[in-house]
Amino acid sequence: MSTLYIVATPIGNLEDISMRALRVLGEVDFVLCEDTRVTDKLLKHYNIKTPMISYHQHSDIKKTEYILDLLGKGKNLALVSDAGTPGISDPGGKLIQAIIEKLGEDVAIESVPGPSAVTAALSISGIPTDKFVFMGFPPHKKGRQTFVKKILSSEWPVVVYESKHRIIKFLEELKNINNEIELVDNDNQEKKKKINLQSVVVCRELSKMHETVYRGDIETIIEKIKNNKDDQKGEFVVIIGK
């Protein structure tokens, strides 16, 4: 029986990887990478010489069939993303689904858990996290307003990812749409008050040298990011508390 290992890798700091992950990456026949250039830095840092195969959101059916063929021949593979846990806002889940459908119990699928930007941000947010909703990246264009309205209507804290190109736009949309809408309670049809956006947490460049965390009122956070161009760089995790 062959095995596909789903291996979490650092979201920034290369020290944030488990001993088990390093062992698996060194023992498998191939490492499936979102970007071989990114994974190559990690493997070289730990002197791991396992050959890599590119697998990402634009990979075609032939690449999936090639991977299925390797597993069918008894090869052991490790799937990694550029950062964090595969399958969270990347195409890892589609590959796993294809393996389950085509090869079934002939392939073992094992998680090698570790870093994730979602849990890293929640852990330092100061917001109650016994329940939360993860919504990934907002749509770039069509459906953004609907997306934001779903965030505002959620009963639980919401976690989203956003890029440096749209972080200010997203926070301003959140503020403006919240000012415009009145949520309705389905039980008694009475109008609710607007969401109090005083419990927003924005995490930038988690685990990296320039990690920054903003907490509090959304208007203040927007101004702080606007006033410092360096704070507009990197990857962002936004938590909207309730």
Protein backbone atom coordinates (compact mmCIF):
# COMPACT_ATOMS: atom_id res chain seq x y z
CA MET A 1 0.00 0.00 0.00
CA SER A 2 1.27 3.45 -0.88
CA THR A 3 0.76 6.54 1.28
CA LEU A 4 0.02 10.18 0.57
CA TYR A 5 1.14 12.38 3.46
CA ILE A 6 -0.52 15.79 3.85
CA VAL A 7 2.35 17.76 5.38
CA ALA A 8 1.97 21.18 7.01
CA THR A 9 4.93 23.49 6.42
CA PRO A 10 5.94 26.83 8.01
CA ILE A 11 3.90 29.92 7.22
CA GLY A 12 7.02 32.04 7.61
CA ASN A 13 9.59 30.99 10.18
CA LEU A 14 11.39 27.88 8.90
CA GLU A 15 11.83 26.63 12.48
CA ASP A 16 8.08 26.02 12.69
CA ILE A 17 8.17 22.48 11.32
CA SER A 18 7.88 19.22 13.20
CA MET A 19 10.47 16.49 13.39
CA ARG A 20 7.91 14.10 11.91
CA ALA A 21 7.35 16.41 8.92
CA LEU A 22 11.09 16.58 8.24
CA ARG A 23 11.38 12.78 8.47
CA VAL A 24 8.46 12.24 6.09
CA LEU A 25 9.75 14.78 3.56
CA GLY A 26 13.08 12.98 3.58
CA GLU A 27 11.66 9.46 3.28
CA VAL A 28 8.97 9.78 0.57
CA ASP A 29 9.68 9.16 -3.11
CA PHE A 30 8.40 12.58 -4.24
CA VAL A 31 7.18 15.85 -2.72
CA LEU A 32 4.18 17.44 -4.47
CA CYS A 33 4.63 21.22 -4.31
CA GLU A 34 2.42 24.23 -4.95
CA ASP A 35 5.59 26.07 -6.08
CA THR A 36 8.82 24.07 -6.34
CA ARG A 37 10.89 27.24 -5.85
CA VAL A 38 9.29 27.90 -2.47
CA THR A 39 9.51 24.30 -1.27
CA ASP A 40 13.08 24.04 -2.53
CA LYS A 41 14.14 26.69 0.02
CA LEU A 42 12.65 24.64 2.84
CA LEU A 43 14.17 21.35 1.67
CA LYS A 44 17.61 22.89 1.15
CA HIS A 45 17.48 24.52 4.59
CA TYR A 46 17.14 21.05 6.13
CA ASN A 47 19.38 19.30 3.58
CA ILE A 48 16.51 17.20 2.18
CA LYS A 49 17.13 15.96 -1.35
CA THR A 50 13.76 14.37 -2.20
CA PRO A 51 12.72 15.13 -5.81
CA MET A 52 9.81 17.51 -6.26
CA ILE A 53 6.77 17.49 -8.56
CA SER A 54 4.78 20.65 -9.24
CA TYR A 55 1.08 20.42 -8.31
CA HIS A 56 -1.07 23.55 -7.98
CA GLN A 57 -4.49 25.05 -8.79
CA HIS A 58 -3.69 25.26 -12.51
CA SER A 59 -2.46 21.66 -12.85
CA ASP A 60 -4.43 19.78 -15.50
CA ILE A 61 -6.01 16.34 -15.39
CA LYS A 62 -2.86 14.78 -16.86
CA LYS A 63 -0.87 15.84 -13.79
CA THR A 64 -3.50 14.34 -11.48
CA GLU A 65 -3.44 11.10 -13.49
CA TYR A 66 0.36 11.04 -13.27
CA ILE A 67 0.17 11.35 -9.49
CA LEU A 68 -2.49 8.63 -9.30
CA ASP A 69 -0.24 6.40 -11.41
CA LEU A 70 2.69 6.92 -9.02
CA LEU A 71 0.52 6.00 -6.04
CA GLY A 72 -0.85 2.99 -7.94
CA LYS A 73 2.72 1.78 -8.44
CA GLY A 74 3.37 1.90 -4.70
CA LYS A 75 5.19 5.23 -4.48
CA ASN A 76 4.88 7.24 -1.28
CA LEU A 77 4.22 10.97 -1.75
CA ALA A 78 4.07 14.07 0.43
CA LEU A 79 1.78 16.97 -0.49
CA VAL A 80 2.79 20.45 0.68
CA SER A 81 1.55 23.97 -0.04
CA ASP A 82 3.72 27.07 -0.13
CA ALA A 83 2.88 27.69 3.51
CA GLY A 84 0.64 26.16 6.14
CA THR A 85 -1.64 23.15 5.90
CA PRO A 86 -2.53 21.76 2.44
CA GLY A 87 -6.23 21.72 1.59
CA ILE A 88 -6.93 25.03 3.36
CA SER A 89 -7.63 27.54 0.56
CA ASP A 90 -5.60 25.52 -1.96
CA PRO A 91 -6.32 22.62 -4.37
CA GLY A 92 -5.10 19.83 -2.09
CA GLY A 93 -8.64 18.75 -1.33
CA LYS A 94 -9.36 18.07 -5.02
CA LEU A 95 -6.37 15.73 -5.29
CA ILE A 96 -7.38 13.85 -2.15
CA GLN A 97 -10.91 13.46 -3.49
CA ALA A 98 -9.58 12.06 -6.78
CA ILE A 99 -7.37 9.58 -4.93
CA ILE A 100 -10.27 8.38 -2.79
CA GLU A 101 -12.52 7.96 -5.85
CA LYS A 102 -9.97 6.23 -8.09
CA LEU A 103 -7.77 4.25 -5.69
CA GLY A 104 -9.90 3.93 -2.57
CA GLU A 105 -8.35 1.92 0.24
CA ASP A 106 -5.30 1.04 -1.84
CA VAL A 107 -3.78 4.35 -0.74
CA ALA A 108 -3.43 5.49 2.85
CA ILE A 109 -3.89 9.23 3.39
CA GLU A 110 -2.16 10.54 6.51
CA SER A 111 -2.08 14.02 8.02
CA VAL A 112 1.20 15.39 9.32
CA PRO A 113 -0.28 18.38 11.18
CA GLY A 114 1.43 21.66 11.88
CA PRO A 115 1.26 25.37 11.05
CA SER A 116 -1.90 27.06 9.78
CA ALA A 117 -2.48 30.80 9.47
CA VAL A 118 -6.08 30.34 10.66
CA THR A 119 -5.19 28.78 14.00
CA ALA A 120 -2.10 30.97 14.45
CA ALA A 121 -4.20 34.12 14.14
CA LEU A 122 -7.00 32.83 16.35
CA SER A 123 -4.54 31.80 19.06
CA ILE A 124 -3.33 35.39 19.58
CA SER A 125 -6.58 37.22 18.77
CA GLY A 126 -7.96 37.53 22.28
CA ILE A 127 -11.38 36.74 20.83
CA PRO A 128 -13.40 33.75 22.16
CA THR A 129 -12.70 30.94 19.70
CA ASP A 130 -14.72 27.98 20.96
CA LYS A 131 -16.75 28.50 17.77
CA PHE A 132 -15.75 30.34 14.60
CA VAL A 133 -16.38 30.42 10.83
CA PHE A 134 -13.56 30.31 8.28
CA MET A 135 -14.46 31.84 4.90
CA GLY A 136 -11.11 31.90 3.06
CA PHE A 137 -10.39 34.65 0.52
CA PRO A 138 -13.14 37.11 -0.48
CA PRO A 139 -14.06 37.13 -4.18
CA HIS A 140 -11.99 39.62 -6.18
CA LYS A 141 -14.96 41.27 -7.89
CA LYS A 142 -18.37 39.62 -8.28
CA GLY A 143 -19.97 38.59 -5.02
CA ARG A 144 -17.85 40.71 -2.65
CA GLN A 145 -20.83 42.54 -1.14
CA THR A 146 -22.70 39.29 -0.57
CA PHE A 147 -19.55 37.83 1.00
CA VAL A 148 -19.21 40.77 3.41
CA LYS A 149 -22.91 40.61 4.34
CA LYS A 150 -22.48 36.94 5.26
CA ILE A 151 -19.61 37.92 7.55
CA LEU A 152 -21.72 40.57 9.25
CA SER A 153 -24.69 38.23 9.70
CA SER A 154 -22.63 35.38 11.18
CA GLU A 155 -23.45 34.37 14.72
CA TRP A 156 -19.80 33.45 15.33
CA PRO A 157 -16.43 35.17 14.83
CA VAL A 158 -15.34 35.00 11.19
CA VAL A 159 -11.81 34.44 9.86
CA VAL A 160 -10.82 35.46 6.33
CA TYR A 161 -7.62 35.74 4.32
CA GLU A 162 -6.81 38.83 2.27
CA SER A 163 -3.91 39.91 0.08
CA LYS A 164 -1.85 43.10 0.34
CA HIS A 165 -3.54 44.39 -2.82
CA ARG A 166 -7.03 44.38 -1.31
CA ILE A 167 -6.66 44.56 2.49
CA ILE A 168 -7.64 48.24 2.78
CA LYS A 169 -10.49 47.79 0.28
CA PHE A 170 -11.83 44.80 2.25
CA LEU A 171 -11.75 46.58 5.62
CA GLU A 172 -13.44 49.65 4.16
CA GLU A 173 -16.12 47.48 2.53
CA LEU A 174 -16.70 45.79 5.87
CA LYS A 175 -17.12 49.16 7.59
CA ASN A 176 -19.26 50.76 4.87
CA ILE A 177 -21.62 47.85 4.29
CA ASN A 178 -22.09 47.50 8.04
CA ASN A 179 -23.14 51.17 8.13
CA GLU A 180 -25.63 50.65 5.30
CA ILE A 181 -27.46 47.46 6.21
CA GLU A 182 -29.92 46.62 8.96
CA LEU A 183 -30.01 42.96 9.85
CA VAL A 184 -33.40 41.40 10.50
CA ASP A 185 -34.10 38.83 13.18
CA ASN A 186 -35.96 35.99 11.45
CA ASP A 187 -37.76 35.05 14.66
CA ASN A 188 -39.61 38.29 15.30
CA GLN A 189 -38.77 40.43 12.23
CA GLU A 190 -37.51 43.23 14.47
CA LYS A 191 -34.61 45.24 13.15
CA LYS A 192 -31.30 44.58 14.85
CA LYS A 193 -28.60 47.12 15.51
CA LYS A 194 -25.53 47.22 13.29
CA ILE A 195 -22.62 44.96 14.20
CA ASN A 196 -20.21 46.62 16.61
CA LEU A 197 -16.91 46.48 14.73
CA GLN A 198 -14.83 47.14 17.82
CA SER A 199 -13.46 43.60 17.97
CA VAL A 200 -11.52 43.26 14.74
CA VAL A 201 -8.07 41.67 14.62
CA VAL A 202 -5.81 42.01 11.59
CA CYS A 203 -2.66 39.84 11.54
CA ARG A 204 0.09 40.56 9.00
CA GLU A 205 3.08 38.36 8.14
CA LEU A 206 2.45 35.86 10.94
CA SER A 207 5.62 34.21 12.31
CA LYS A 208 7.84 36.37 10.09
CA MET A 209 10.30 39.11 11.01
CA HIS A 210 7.78 41.91 10.46
CA GLU A 211 4.76 40.28 12.10
CA THR A 212 2.19 42.90 13.03
CA VAL A 213 -1.13 42.55 14.85
CA TYR A 214 -3.81 45.25 14.93
CA ARG A 215 -6.67 45.00 17.40
CA GLY A 216 -9.73 47.07 18.17
CA ASP A 217 -11.86 49.55 16.23
CA ILE A 218 -11.93 48.96 12.47
CA GLU A 219 -11.60 52.66 11.59
CA THR A 220 -8.44 52.97 13.67
CA ILE A 221 -6.99 49.84 12.07
CA ILE A 222 -7.69 51.17 8.57
CA GLU A 223 -5.94 54.45 9.34
CA LYS A 224 -2.89 52.72 10.81
CA ILE A 225 -2.46 50.53 7.72
CA LYS A 226 -3.10 53.44 5.35
CA ASN A 227 -0.52 55.62 7.08
CA ASN A 228 2.31 53.11 6.79
CA LYS A 229 3.08 51.67 3.35
CA ASP A 230 5.22 48.94 4.91
CA ASP A 231 2.13 47.72 6.75
CA GLN A 232 0.42 47.20 3.39
CA LYS A 233 2.86 44.43 2.44
CA GLY A 234 2.57 40.70 3.04
CA GLU A 235 -0.32 38.34 3.67
CA PHE A 236 -3.18 39.13 6.04
CA VAL A 237 -5.55 37.20 8.27
CA VAL A 238 -8.61 39.15 9.46
CA ILE A 239 -10.81 38.08 12.38
CA ILE A 240 -14.16 39.80 12.89
CA GLY A 241 -15.26 39.19 16.45
CA LYS A 242 -18.84 39.10 17.66
